[in-house]
Amino acid sequence: MDLETAVAGAQRGDEAAFRVVYRAVQPQLLQYVRSLVGPVDAEDVASETWLQIARDLPNFRGAGDSVRGWAARIARNRALDHIRARARRPVSGAGVDELVQLPDRADTAGEALDAVATDRALAAIAALPREQAEAVLLRVVMGLDSTSAARVLGKRAGSVRMATHRGLRRLAELLEHDDDPRADADHVGVTFSTSKAL
């Protein structure tokens, strides 16, 4: 069953069709959520996202593949809500440094994206400015086109294309200057992703 047929079936309440949609979207969605909230809270935020998707799917209007962008927008909103709530409710026993850390810091993003690529590439993505990092994640990890990614971020498609281009170019520079003997293998992956994403 293709994604468009699955979305239409899921909108009518077909559980098998909803499973197809879930399996097609969940892996990339979870990676994206991990990059925003970290690995510890990613499953919870992804679950909240799917609850909203299931509730709102009958009202979704769009072609089958646009469901990925719609799901990413919901996930981003749930993740931002989660980050705000986490900031308001300090974890018992947590130090001040842990409470003020933003999800786009190198250590958090590195952990969150561990399943996406090598540790070096993840550290490089985490070192990008937030706008570039999010554009790269939406375009490369979620596989969204620039228009869909722009809707998720509330920006223009040209801005997302530029942020993606700058982010991927900066990633290539960071990986190129790395002295790690494995740098060549990782650089090839980023170069391939750069051409594919743009």
N, C-alpha and C. Protein backbone atom coordinates (compact mmCIF):
# COMPACT_ATOMS: atom_id res chain seq x y z
N MET A 1 0.85 -1.18 0.00
CA MET A 1 0.00 0.00 0.00
C MET A 1 0.89 1.24 0.00
N ASP A 2 0.67 2.15 -0.94
CA ASP A 2 1.46 3.38 -0.97
C ASP A 2 0.96 4.34 0.12
N LEU A 3 1.75 5.36 0.39
CA LEU A 3 1.46 6.26 1.50
C LEU A 3 0.17 7.03 1.28
N GLU A 4 -0.10 7.45 0.06
CA GLU A 4 -1.33 8.21 -0.21
C GLU A 4 -2.56 7.36 0.05
N THR A 5 -2.53 6.11 -0.39
CA THR A 5 -3.64 5.20 -0.14
C THR A 5 -3.78 4.93 1.35
N ALA A 6 -2.64 4.77 2.02
CA ALA A 6 -2.65 4.50 3.46
C ALA A 6 -3.24 5.68 4.23
N VAL A 7 -2.87 6.90 3.86
CA VAL A 7 -3.42 8.09 4.54
C VAL A 7 -4.92 8.14 4.35
N ALA A 8 -5.38 7.93 3.12
CA ALA A 8 -6.82 7.96 2.85
C ALA A 8 -7.55 6.89 3.66
N GLY A 9 -6.96 5.69 3.72
CA GLY A 9 -7.57 4.62 4.50
C GLY A 9 -7.58 4.93 5.99
N ALA A 10 -6.48 5.47 6.49
CA ALA A 10 -6.40 5.81 7.91
C ALA A 10 -7.41 6.89 8.26
N GLN A 11 -7.66 7.81 7.35
CA GLN A 11 -8.65 8.85 7.59
C GLN A 11 -10.05 8.27 7.72
N ARG A 12 -10.29 7.14 7.08
CA ARG A 12 -11.58 6.47 7.18
C ARG A 12 -11.65 5.51 8.37
N GLY A 13 -10.54 5.41 9.13
CA GLY A 13 -10.55 4.56 10.31
C GLY A 13 -9.95 3.18 10.12
N ASP A 14 -9.31 2.93 8.98
CA ASP A 14 -8.70 1.64 8.71
C ASP A 14 -7.40 1.51 9.53
N GLU A 15 -7.41 0.59 10.49
CA GLU A 15 -6.25 0.43 11.38
C GLU A 15 -5.01 -0.06 10.63
N ALA A 16 -5.19 -0.95 9.68
CA ALA A 16 -4.04 -1.45 8.90
C ALA A 16 -3.40 -0.30 8.11
N ALA A 17 -4.22 0.58 7.57
CA ALA A 17 -3.70 1.73 6.83
C ALA A 17 -2.95 2.68 7.77
N PHE A 18 -3.48 2.86 8.98
CA PHE A 18 -2.80 3.73 9.95
C PHE A 18 -1.44 3.14 10.31
N ARG A 19 -1.35 1.81 10.44
CA ARG A 19 -0.05 1.18 10.72
C ARG A 19 0.95 1.46 9.61
N VAL A 20 0.50 1.46 8.35
CA VAL A 20 1.38 1.77 7.22
C VAL A 20 1.89 3.20 7.33
N VAL A 21 1.00 4.13 7.66
CA VAL A 21 1.40 5.53 7.83
C VAL A 21 2.42 5.63 8.98
N TYR A 22 2.12 4.99 10.08
CA TYR A 22 3.01 5.02 11.25
C TYR A 22 4.40 4.49 10.89
N ARG A 23 4.45 3.35 10.23
CA ARG A 23 5.74 2.74 9.87
C ARG A 23 6.51 3.59 8.87
N ALA A 24 5.80 4.31 8.03
CA ALA A 24 6.48 5.14 7.03
C ALA A 24 7.04 6.43 7.62
N VAL A 25 6.41 6.93 8.69
CA VAL A 25 6.77 8.24 9.23
C VAL A 25 7.56 8.16 10.53
N GLN A 26 7.27 7.18 11.37
CA GLN A 26 7.81 7.14 12.73
C GLN A 26 9.34 7.15 12.83
N PRO A 27 10.09 6.38 12.05
CA PRO A 27 11.55 6.37 12.25
C PRO A 27 12.19 7.76 12.11
N GLN A 28 11.85 8.47 11.04
CA GLN A 28 12.41 9.81 10.85
C GLN A 28 11.86 10.80 11.87
N LEU A 29 10.58 10.65 12.20
CA LEU A 29 9.96 11.54 13.17
C LEU A 29 10.64 11.41 14.53
N LEU A 30 10.91 10.19 14.94
CA LEU A 30 11.56 9.96 16.24
C LEU A 30 12.97 10.54 16.24
N GLN A 31 13.70 10.41 15.15
CA GLN A 31 15.04 11.00 15.07
C GLN A 31 14.97 12.52 15.17
N TYR A 32 13.99 13.10 14.51
CA TYR A 32 13.81 14.55 14.57
C TYR A 32 13.48 14.99 16.00
N VAL A 33 12.56 14.29 16.65
CA VAL A 33 12.19 14.63 18.03
C VAL A 33 13.38 14.48 18.96
N ARG A 34 14.18 13.43 18.77
CA ARG A 34 15.38 13.24 19.59
C ARG A 34 16.31 14.45 19.48
N SER A 35 16.41 14.99 18.29
CA SER A 35 17.29 16.14 18.10
C SER A 35 16.78 17.37 18.83
N LEU A 36 15.49 17.44 19.08
CA LEU A 36 14.90 18.60 19.75
C LEU A 36 14.88 18.47 21.27
N VAL A 37 14.53 17.29 21.77
CA VAL A 37 14.33 17.15 23.23
C VAL A 37 15.33 16.22 23.89
N GLY A 38 16.14 15.52 23.12
CA GLY A 38 17.08 14.57 23.69
C GLY A 38 16.49 13.17 23.73
N PRO A 39 17.34 12.17 23.91
CA PRO A 39 16.89 10.78 23.82
C PRO A 39 16.00 10.35 24.98
N VAL A 40 16.14 10.97 26.14
CA VAL A 40 15.37 10.54 27.30
C VAL A 40 13.88 10.81 27.12
N ASP A 41 13.54 11.97 26.57
CA ASP A 41 12.14 12.37 26.45
C ASP A 41 11.56 12.14 25.05
N ALA A 42 12.37 11.69 24.12
CA ALA A 42 11.93 11.59 22.73
C ALA A 42 10.73 10.67 22.55
N GLU A 43 10.74 9.52 23.18
CA GLU A 43 9.62 8.57 23.03
C GLU A 43 8.31 9.17 23.53
N ASP A 44 8.37 9.88 24.67
CA ASP A 44 7.16 10.50 25.22
C ASP A 44 6.61 11.56 24.27
N VAL A 45 7.49 12.40 23.76
CA VAL A 45 7.05 13.46 22.85
C VAL A 45 6.53 12.86 21.56
N ALA A 46 7.19 11.82 21.06
CA ALA A 46 6.71 11.16 19.84
C ALA A 46 5.33 10.53 20.08
N SER A 47 5.12 9.97 21.25
CA SER A 47 3.80 9.39 21.58
C SER A 47 2.73 10.47 21.60
N GLU A 48 3.04 11.61 22.22
CA GLU A 48 2.09 12.73 22.23
C GLU A 48 1.80 13.19 20.81
N THR A 49 2.83 13.18 19.98
CA THR A 49 2.66 13.58 18.57
C THR A 49 1.70 12.64 17.88
N TRP A 50 1.88 11.33 18.08
CA TRP A 50 1.01 10.36 17.41
C TRP A 50 -0.42 10.40 17.93
N LEU A 51 -0.58 10.74 19.20
CA LEU A 51 -1.95 10.92 19.71
C LEU A 51 -2.65 12.05 18.97
N GLN A 52 -1.94 13.15 18.78
CA GLN A 52 -2.54 14.28 18.05
C GLN A 52 -2.74 13.93 16.59
N ILE A 53 -1.79 13.22 15.98
CA ILE A 53 -1.95 12.82 14.59
C ILE A 53 -3.19 11.95 14.43
N ALA A 54 -3.36 10.98 15.32
CA ALA A 54 -4.52 10.08 15.24
C ALA A 54 -5.82 10.88 15.41
N ARG A 55 -5.81 11.84 16.32
CA ARG A 55 -7.01 12.64 16.57
C ARG A 55 -7.34 13.54 15.38
N ASP A 56 -6.30 14.15 14.77
CA ASP A 56 -6.52 15.15 13.72
C ASP A 56 -6.46 14.60 12.30
N LEU A 57 -6.08 13.35 12.13
CA LEU A 57 -5.91 12.80 10.78
C LEU A 57 -7.17 12.90 9.91
N PRO A 58 -8.36 12.68 10.46
CA PRO A 58 -9.54 12.81 9.58
C PRO A 58 -9.67 14.20 8.94
N ASN A 59 -9.12 15.22 9.56
CA ASN A 59 -9.21 16.58 9.02
C ASN A 59 -8.00 16.97 8.18
N PHE A 60 -7.01 16.08 8.07
CA PHE A 60 -5.81 16.38 7.29
C PHE A 60 -6.17 16.48 5.81
N ARG A 61 -5.68 17.54 5.19
CA ARG A 61 -5.90 17.74 3.75
C ARG A 61 -4.54 17.84 3.08
N GLY A 62 -4.29 16.93 2.19
CA GLY A 62 -3.02 16.95 1.47
C GLY A 62 -2.75 15.61 0.84
N ALA A 63 -1.76 15.58 -0.02
CA ALA A 63 -1.34 14.34 -0.67
C ALA A 63 -0.65 13.45 0.35
N GLY A 64 -0.49 12.19 0.01
CA GLY A 64 0.07 11.21 0.95
C GLY A 64 1.40 11.59 1.55
N ASP A 65 2.36 12.02 0.72
CA ASP A 65 3.70 12.30 1.23
C ASP A 65 3.75 13.58 2.06
N SER A 66 2.78 14.48 1.89
CA SER A 66 2.78 15.71 2.69
C SER A 66 2.45 15.43 4.15
N VAL A 67 2.02 14.21 4.44
CA VAL A 67 1.75 13.85 5.83
C VAL A 67 3.04 13.90 6.66
N ARG A 68 4.20 13.70 6.04
CA ARG A 68 5.47 13.78 6.77
C ARG A 68 5.71 15.19 7.30
N GLY A 69 5.49 16.19 6.46
CA GLY A 69 5.65 17.58 6.89
C GLY A 69 4.64 17.95 7.96
N TRP A 70 3.41 17.51 7.79
CA TRP A 70 2.36 17.77 8.77
C TRP A 70 2.73 17.14 10.11
N ALA A 71 3.21 15.91 10.07
CA ALA A 71 3.62 15.21 11.30
C ALA A 71 4.82 15.91 11.94
N ALA A 72 5.76 16.38 11.13
CA ALA A 72 6.93 17.08 11.67
C ALA A 72 6.52 18.37 12.35
N ARG A 73 5.54 19.08 11.78
CA ARG A 73 5.07 20.32 12.40
C ARG A 73 4.43 20.03 13.76
N ILE A 74 3.62 18.98 13.82
CA ILE A 74 3.00 18.59 15.09
C ILE A 74 4.08 18.20 16.09
N ALA A 75 5.06 17.41 15.64
CA ALA A 75 6.15 16.98 16.53
C ALA A 75 6.94 18.17 17.05
N ARG A 76 7.22 19.12 16.20
CA ARG A 76 7.96 20.31 16.63
C ARG A 76 7.18 21.07 17.69
N ASN A 77 5.88 21.24 17.48
CA ASN A 77 5.06 21.94 18.46
C ASN A 77 5.01 21.19 19.79
N ARG A 78 4.87 19.86 19.73
CA ARG A 78 4.85 19.06 20.97
C ARG A 78 6.21 19.15 21.67
N ALA A 79 7.29 19.14 20.89
CA ALA A 79 8.64 19.22 21.47
C ALA A 79 8.86 20.57 22.13
N LEU A 80 8.44 21.65 21.47
CA LEU A 80 8.60 22.98 22.07
C LEU A 80 7.76 23.12 23.33
N ASP A 81 6.54 22.56 23.32
CA ASP A 81 5.72 22.55 24.54
C ASP A 81 6.42 21.79 25.66
N HIS A 82 7.01 20.67 25.30
CA HIS A 82 7.72 19.84 26.28
C HIS A 82 8.92 20.59 26.87
N ILE A 83 9.66 21.28 26.02
CA ILE A 83 10.83 22.04 26.48
C ILE A 83 10.40 23.15 27.42
N ARG A 84 9.31 23.85 27.07
CA ARG A 84 8.81 24.91 27.95
C ARG A 84 8.35 24.34 29.29
N ALA A 85 7.63 23.22 29.24
CA ALA A 85 7.15 22.61 30.48
C ALA A 85 8.31 22.12 31.34
N ARG A 86 9.31 21.56 30.70
CA ARG A 86 10.48 21.07 31.43
C ARG A 86 11.21 22.23 32.11
N ALA A 87 11.26 23.37 31.45
CA ALA A 87 11.91 24.55 32.04
C ALA A 87 11.13 25.08 33.24
N ARG A 88 9.80 24.93 33.21
CA ARG A 88 8.97 25.40 34.33
C ARG A 88 8.99 24.45 35.51
N ARG A 89 9.22 23.17 35.24
CA ARG A 89 9.21 22.17 36.31
C ARG A 89 10.59 21.56 36.45
N PRO A 90 11.43 22.16 37.26
CA PRO A 90 12.77 21.60 37.45
C PRO A 90 12.70 20.17 37.97
N VAL A 91 13.59 19.36 37.46
CA VAL A 91 13.68 17.98 37.91
C VAL A 91 14.32 17.95 39.29
N SER A 92 13.75 17.18 40.16
CA SER A 92 14.28 17.08 41.52
C SER A 92 15.71 16.57 41.48
N GLY A 93 16.59 17.29 42.15
CA GLY A 93 17.99 16.88 42.24
C GLY A 93 18.84 17.35 41.07
N ALA A 94 18.23 18.01 40.10
CA ALA A 94 19.00 18.48 38.95
C ALA A 94 19.74 19.76 39.31
N GLY A 95 20.93 19.89 38.80
CA GLY A 95 21.70 21.10 39.05
C GLY A 95 21.26 22.23 38.14
N VAL A 96 21.64 23.43 38.48
CA VAL A 96 21.27 24.60 37.69
C VAL A 96 21.78 24.47 36.26
N ASP A 97 22.98 23.97 36.10
CA ASP A 97 23.54 23.83 34.74
C ASP A 97 22.68 22.93 33.87
N GLU A 98 22.13 21.87 34.46
CA GLU A 98 21.29 20.95 33.69
C GLU A 98 19.98 21.61 33.29
N LEU A 99 19.45 22.48 34.14
CA LEU A 99 18.16 23.10 33.86
C LEU A 99 18.22 24.16 32.78
N VAL A 100 19.35 24.82 32.64
CA VAL A 100 19.44 25.89 31.66
C VAL A 100 19.97 25.43 30.32
N GLN A 101 20.33 24.17 30.19
CA GLN A 101 20.84 23.68 28.91
C GLN A 101 19.74 23.69 27.87
N LEU A 102 20.07 24.16 26.70
CA LEU A 102 19.12 24.17 25.59
C LEU A 102 19.29 22.89 24.79
N PRO A 103 18.23 22.42 24.14
CA PRO A 103 18.32 21.18 23.38
C PRO A 103 19.30 21.22 22.23
N ASP A 104 19.71 22.39 21.79
CA ASP A 104 20.62 22.42 20.65
C ASP A 104 22.08 22.48 21.07
N ARG A 105 22.39 22.29 22.35
CA ARG A 105 23.77 22.24 22.80
C ARG A 105 24.43 20.97 22.27
N ALA A 106 25.73 21.00 22.14
CA ALA A 106 26.46 19.90 21.50
C ALA A 106 26.21 18.56 22.19
N ASP A 107 26.26 18.52 23.54
CA ASP A 107 26.12 17.22 24.19
C ASP A 107 24.71 16.67 24.04
N THR A 108 23.68 17.48 24.15
CA THR A 108 22.32 17.00 24.00
C THR A 108 22.04 16.56 22.58
N ALA A 109 22.37 17.38 21.63
CA ALA A 109 22.12 17.03 20.24
C ALA A 109 22.94 15.82 19.83
N GLY A 110 24.16 15.73 20.32
CA GLY A 110 24.99 14.57 20.00
C GLY A 110 24.35 13.27 20.46
N GLU A 111 23.79 13.29 21.68
CA GLU A 111 23.10 12.11 22.19
C GLU A 111 21.82 11.85 21.40
N ALA A 112 21.09 12.93 21.12
CA ALA A 112 19.79 12.79 20.46
C ALA A 112 19.92 12.24 19.05
N LEU A 113 20.97 12.56 18.36
CA LEU A 113 21.14 12.13 16.98
C LEU A 113 22.02 10.91 16.83
N ASP A 114 22.33 10.25 17.93
CA ASP A 114 23.26 9.12 17.89
C ASP A 114 22.85 8.07 16.88
N ALA A 115 21.54 7.86 16.69
CA ALA A 115 21.07 6.86 15.75
C ALA A 115 21.11 7.35 14.31
N VAL A 116 21.35 8.61 14.08
CA VAL A 116 21.31 9.16 12.72
C VAL A 116 22.61 8.96 11.97
N ALA A 117 23.74 9.22 12.60
CA ALA A 117 25.03 9.13 11.92
C ALA A 117 26.12 8.94 12.95
N THR A 118 27.34 9.12 12.56
CA THR A 118 28.45 8.94 13.48
C THR A 118 28.46 10.03 14.53
N ASP A 119 29.14 9.78 15.64
CA ASP A 119 29.23 10.76 16.72
C ASP A 119 29.85 12.06 16.24
N ARG A 120 30.83 11.97 15.36
CA ARG A 120 31.50 13.16 14.85
C ARG A 120 30.55 14.03 14.05
N ALA A 121 29.79 13.41 13.18
CA ALA A 121 28.83 14.17 12.37
C ALA A 121 27.75 14.78 13.25
N LEU A 122 27.34 14.06 14.27
CA LEU A 122 26.31 14.58 15.18
C LEU A 122 26.82 15.76 15.97
N ALA A 123 28.07 15.67 16.41
CA ALA A 123 28.65 16.80 17.13
C ALA A 123 28.74 18.01 16.21
N ALA A 124 29.02 17.77 14.95
CA ALA A 124 29.11 18.87 14.00
C ALA A 124 27.73 19.50 13.77
N ILE A 125 26.69 18.70 13.66
CA ILE A 125 25.33 19.23 13.50
C ILE A 125 24.95 20.05 14.73
N ALA A 126 25.29 19.54 15.90
CA ALA A 126 24.96 20.25 17.14
C ALA A 126 25.69 21.58 17.24
N ALA A 127 26.82 21.68 16.58
CA ALA A 127 27.60 22.92 16.63
C ALA A 127 27.04 23.99 15.68
N LEU A 128 26.14 23.60 14.81
CA LEU A 128 25.55 24.56 13.88
C LEU A 128 24.60 25.50 14.62
N PRO A 129 24.39 26.69 14.08
CA PRO A 129 23.33 27.54 14.63
C PRO A 129 21.99 26.78 14.56
N ARG A 130 21.12 27.04 15.51
CA ARG A 130 19.87 26.28 15.62
C ARG A 130 19.08 26.26 14.32
N GLU A 131 18.96 27.40 13.64
CA GLU A 131 18.19 27.47 12.40
C GLU A 131 18.76 26.53 11.35
N GLN A 132 20.09 26.51 11.21
CA GLN A 132 20.72 25.62 10.23
C GLN A 132 20.56 24.16 10.64
N ALA A 133 20.76 23.88 11.92
CA ALA A 133 20.65 22.50 12.40
C ALA A 133 19.25 21.96 12.15
N GLU A 134 18.23 22.76 12.46
CA GLU A 134 16.87 22.29 12.27
C GLU A 134 16.54 22.12 10.80
N ALA A 135 17.03 23.02 9.95
CA ALA A 135 16.80 22.88 8.52
C ALA A 135 17.45 21.61 7.98
N VAL A 136 18.67 21.34 8.41
CA VAL A 136 19.36 20.11 7.98
C VAL A 136 18.60 18.89 8.45
N LEU A 137 18.15 18.89 9.69
CA LEU A 137 17.41 17.75 10.23
C LEU A 137 16.12 17.50 9.46
N LEU A 138 15.37 18.56 9.20
CA LEU A 138 14.11 18.39 8.48
C LEU A 138 14.33 17.94 7.04
N ARG A 139 15.33 18.51 6.39
CA ARG A 139 15.55 18.17 4.98
C ARG A 139 16.21 16.80 4.82
N VAL A 140 17.23 16.52 5.64
CA VAL A 140 18.01 15.29 5.44
C VAL A 140 17.42 14.12 6.24
N VAL A 141 17.13 14.34 7.52
CA VAL A 141 16.63 13.25 8.37
C VAL A 141 15.17 12.93 8.07
N MET A 142 14.32 13.97 8.08
CA MET A 142 12.89 13.75 7.81
C MET A 142 12.61 13.57 6.33
N GLY A 143 13.54 14.04 5.48
CA GLY A 143 13.35 13.88 4.04
C GLY A 143 12.32 14.83 3.45
N LEU A 144 12.09 15.97 4.12
CA LEU A 144 11.10 16.93 3.62
C LEU A 144 11.71 17.80 2.52
N ASP A 145 10.85 18.26 1.62
CA ASP A 145 11.33 19.24 0.64
C ASP A 145 11.35 20.61 1.33
N SER A 146 11.91 21.60 0.66
CA SER A 146 12.08 22.90 1.30
C SER A 146 10.74 23.56 1.64
N THR A 147 9.72 23.35 0.84
CA THR A 147 8.41 23.94 1.11
C THR A 147 7.80 23.34 2.37
N SER A 148 7.86 22.03 2.50
CA SER A 148 7.31 21.37 3.69
C SER A 148 8.09 21.74 4.94
N ALA A 149 9.42 21.76 4.83
CA ALA A 149 10.25 22.15 5.97
C ALA A 149 9.95 23.59 6.37
N ALA A 150 9.71 24.46 5.39
CA ALA A 150 9.40 25.86 5.68
C ALA A 150 8.09 25.98 6.45
N ARG A 151 7.10 25.16 6.10
CA ARG A 151 5.83 25.17 6.83
C ARG A 151 6.05 24.76 8.28
N VAL A 152 6.89 23.75 8.50
CA VAL A 152 7.16 23.27 9.86
C VAL A 152 7.81 24.38 10.68
N LEU A 153 8.76 25.09 10.08
CA LEU A 153 9.52 26.10 10.81
C LEU A 153 8.88 27.48 10.79
N GLY A 154 7.81 27.64 10.01
CA GLY A 154 7.17 28.95 9.91
C GLY A 154 8.03 29.96 9.17
N LYS A 155 8.76 29.49 8.18
CA LYS A 155 9.65 30.35 7.40
C LYS A 155 9.35 30.19 5.91
N ARG A 156 10.04 30.98 5.10
CA ARG A 156 9.90 30.85 3.66
C ARG A 156 10.80 29.71 3.17
N ALA A 157 10.38 29.10 2.07
CA ALA A 157 11.15 27.98 1.51
C ALA A 157 12.57 28.40 1.15
N GLY A 158 12.73 29.60 0.62
CA GLY A 158 14.06 30.09 0.26
C GLY A 158 14.97 30.21 1.48
N SER A 159 14.40 30.63 2.60
CA SER A 159 15.19 30.73 3.84
C SER A 159 15.64 29.34 4.32
N VAL A 160 14.74 28.38 4.18
CA VAL A 160 15.09 27.01 4.59
C VAL A 160 16.15 26.43 3.66
N ARG A 161 16.02 26.67 2.36
CA ARG A 161 17.03 26.19 1.41
C ARG A 161 18.39 26.80 1.74
N MET A 162 18.40 28.08 2.04
CA MET A 162 19.66 28.77 2.36
C MET A 162 20.24 28.24 3.67
N ALA A 163 19.39 28.06 4.69
CA ALA A 163 19.87 27.53 5.97
C ALA A 163 20.41 26.11 5.80
N THR A 164 19.73 25.31 4.99
CA THR A 164 20.20 23.95 4.72
C THR A 164 21.53 23.98 4.00
N HIS A 165 21.63 24.80 2.98
CA HIS A 165 22.87 24.91 2.21
C HIS A 165 24.03 25.35 3.10
N ARG A 166 23.79 26.39 3.89
CA ARG A 166 24.85 26.88 4.78
C ARG A 166 25.22 25.84 5.82
N GLY A 167 24.20 25.18 6.37
CA GLY A 167 24.46 24.16 7.39
C GLY A 167 25.26 22.99 6.83
N LEU A 168 24.87 22.50 5.66
CA LEU A 168 25.58 21.37 5.07
C LEU A 168 26.99 21.76 4.63
N ARG A 169 27.13 22.98 4.12
CA ARG A 169 28.47 23.46 3.75
C ARG A 169 29.35 23.55 5.00
N ARG A 170 28.80 24.06 6.10
CA ARG A 170 29.56 24.17 7.35
C ARG A 170 29.89 22.77 7.89
N LEU A 171 28.96 21.84 7.78
CA LEU A 171 29.23 20.46 8.21
C LEU A 171 30.39 19.87 7.42
N ALA A 172 30.38 20.08 6.11
CA ALA A 172 31.46 19.56 5.28
C ALA A 172 32.80 20.16 5.70
N GLU A 173 32.81 21.48 6.01
CA GLU A 173 34.04 22.13 6.47
C GLU A 173 34.50 21.55 7.80
N LEU A 174 33.57 21.37 8.72
CA LEU A 174 33.93 20.83 10.04
C LEU A 174 34.52 19.43 9.92
N LEU A 175 33.88 18.62 9.09
CA LEU A 175 34.35 17.24 8.94
C LEU A 175 35.65 17.18 8.14
N GLU A 176 35.83 18.09 7.21
CA GLU A 176 37.05 18.13 6.41
C GLU A 176 38.27 18.47 7.26
N HIS A 177 38.07 19.34 8.23
CA HIS A 177 39.18 19.77 9.08
C HIS A 177 39.43 18.86 10.26
N ASP A 178 38.63 17.83 10.39
CA ASP A 178 38.80 16.90 11.49
C ASP A 178 40.00 16.00 11.20
N ASP A 179 40.83 15.77 12.19
CA ASP A 179 42.04 14.95 12.00
C ASP A 179 41.77 13.46 12.15
N ASP A 180 40.56 13.08 12.45
CA ASP A 180 40.21 11.68 12.64
C ASP A 180 40.45 10.92 11.34
N PRO A 181 41.11 9.76 11.39
CA PRO A 181 41.37 8.99 10.16
C PRO A 181 40.10 8.54 9.47
N ARG A 182 38.99 8.50 10.19
CA ARG A 182 37.73 8.10 9.57
C ARG A 182 37.03 9.27 8.91
N ALA A 183 37.62 10.44 8.92
CA ALA A 183 36.98 11.66 8.41
C ALA A 183 36.55 11.51 6.96
N ASP A 184 37.36 10.84 6.13
CA ASP A 184 37.03 10.72 4.72
C ASP A 184 35.72 9.98 4.51
N ALA A 185 35.51 8.90 5.25
CA ALA A 185 34.28 8.13 5.10
C ALA A 185 33.07 8.95 5.52
N ASP A 186 33.18 9.67 6.63
CA ASP A 186 32.06 10.49 7.08
C ASP A 186 31.82 11.66 6.14
N HIS A 187 32.89 12.24 5.61
CA HIS A 187 32.75 13.39 4.72
C HIS A 187 31.95 12.98 3.48
N VAL A 188 32.21 11.77 2.97
CA VAL A 188 31.49 11.29 1.80
C VAL A 188 30.00 11.25 2.09
N GLY A 189 29.60 10.77 3.27
CA GLY A 189 28.19 10.71 3.63
C GLY A 189 27.56 12.08 3.68
N VAL A 190 28.26 13.06 4.24
CA VAL A 190 27.72 14.41 4.32
C VAL A 190 27.65 15.03 2.94
N THR A 191 28.67 14.80 2.10
CA THR A 191 28.66 15.34 0.76
C THR A 191 27.50 14.77 -0.02
N PHE A 192 27.25 13.48 0.10
CA PHE A 192 26.12 12.86 -0.59
C PHE A 192 24.82 13.48 -0.09
N SER A 193 24.68 13.64 1.22
CA SER A 193 23.48 14.22 1.78
C SER A 193 23.28 15.64 1.30
N THR A 194 24.39 16.38 1.15
CA THR A 194 24.30 17.76 0.70
C THR A 194 23.67 17.83 -0.68
N SER A 195 24.16 17.02 -1.60
CA SER A 195 23.62 17.07 -2.95
C SER A 195 22.20 16.56 -2.99
N LYS A 196 21.88 15.56 -2.19
CA LYS A 196 20.54 14.99 -2.16
C LYS A 196 19.54 15.97 -1.57
N ALA A 197 19.92 16.65 -0.48
CA ALA A 197 18.99 17.54 0.21
C ALA A 197 18.66 18.78 -0.60
N LEU A 198 19.62 19.29 -1.34
CA LEU A 198 19.38 20.52 -2.10
C LEU A 198 18.77 20.20 -3.43
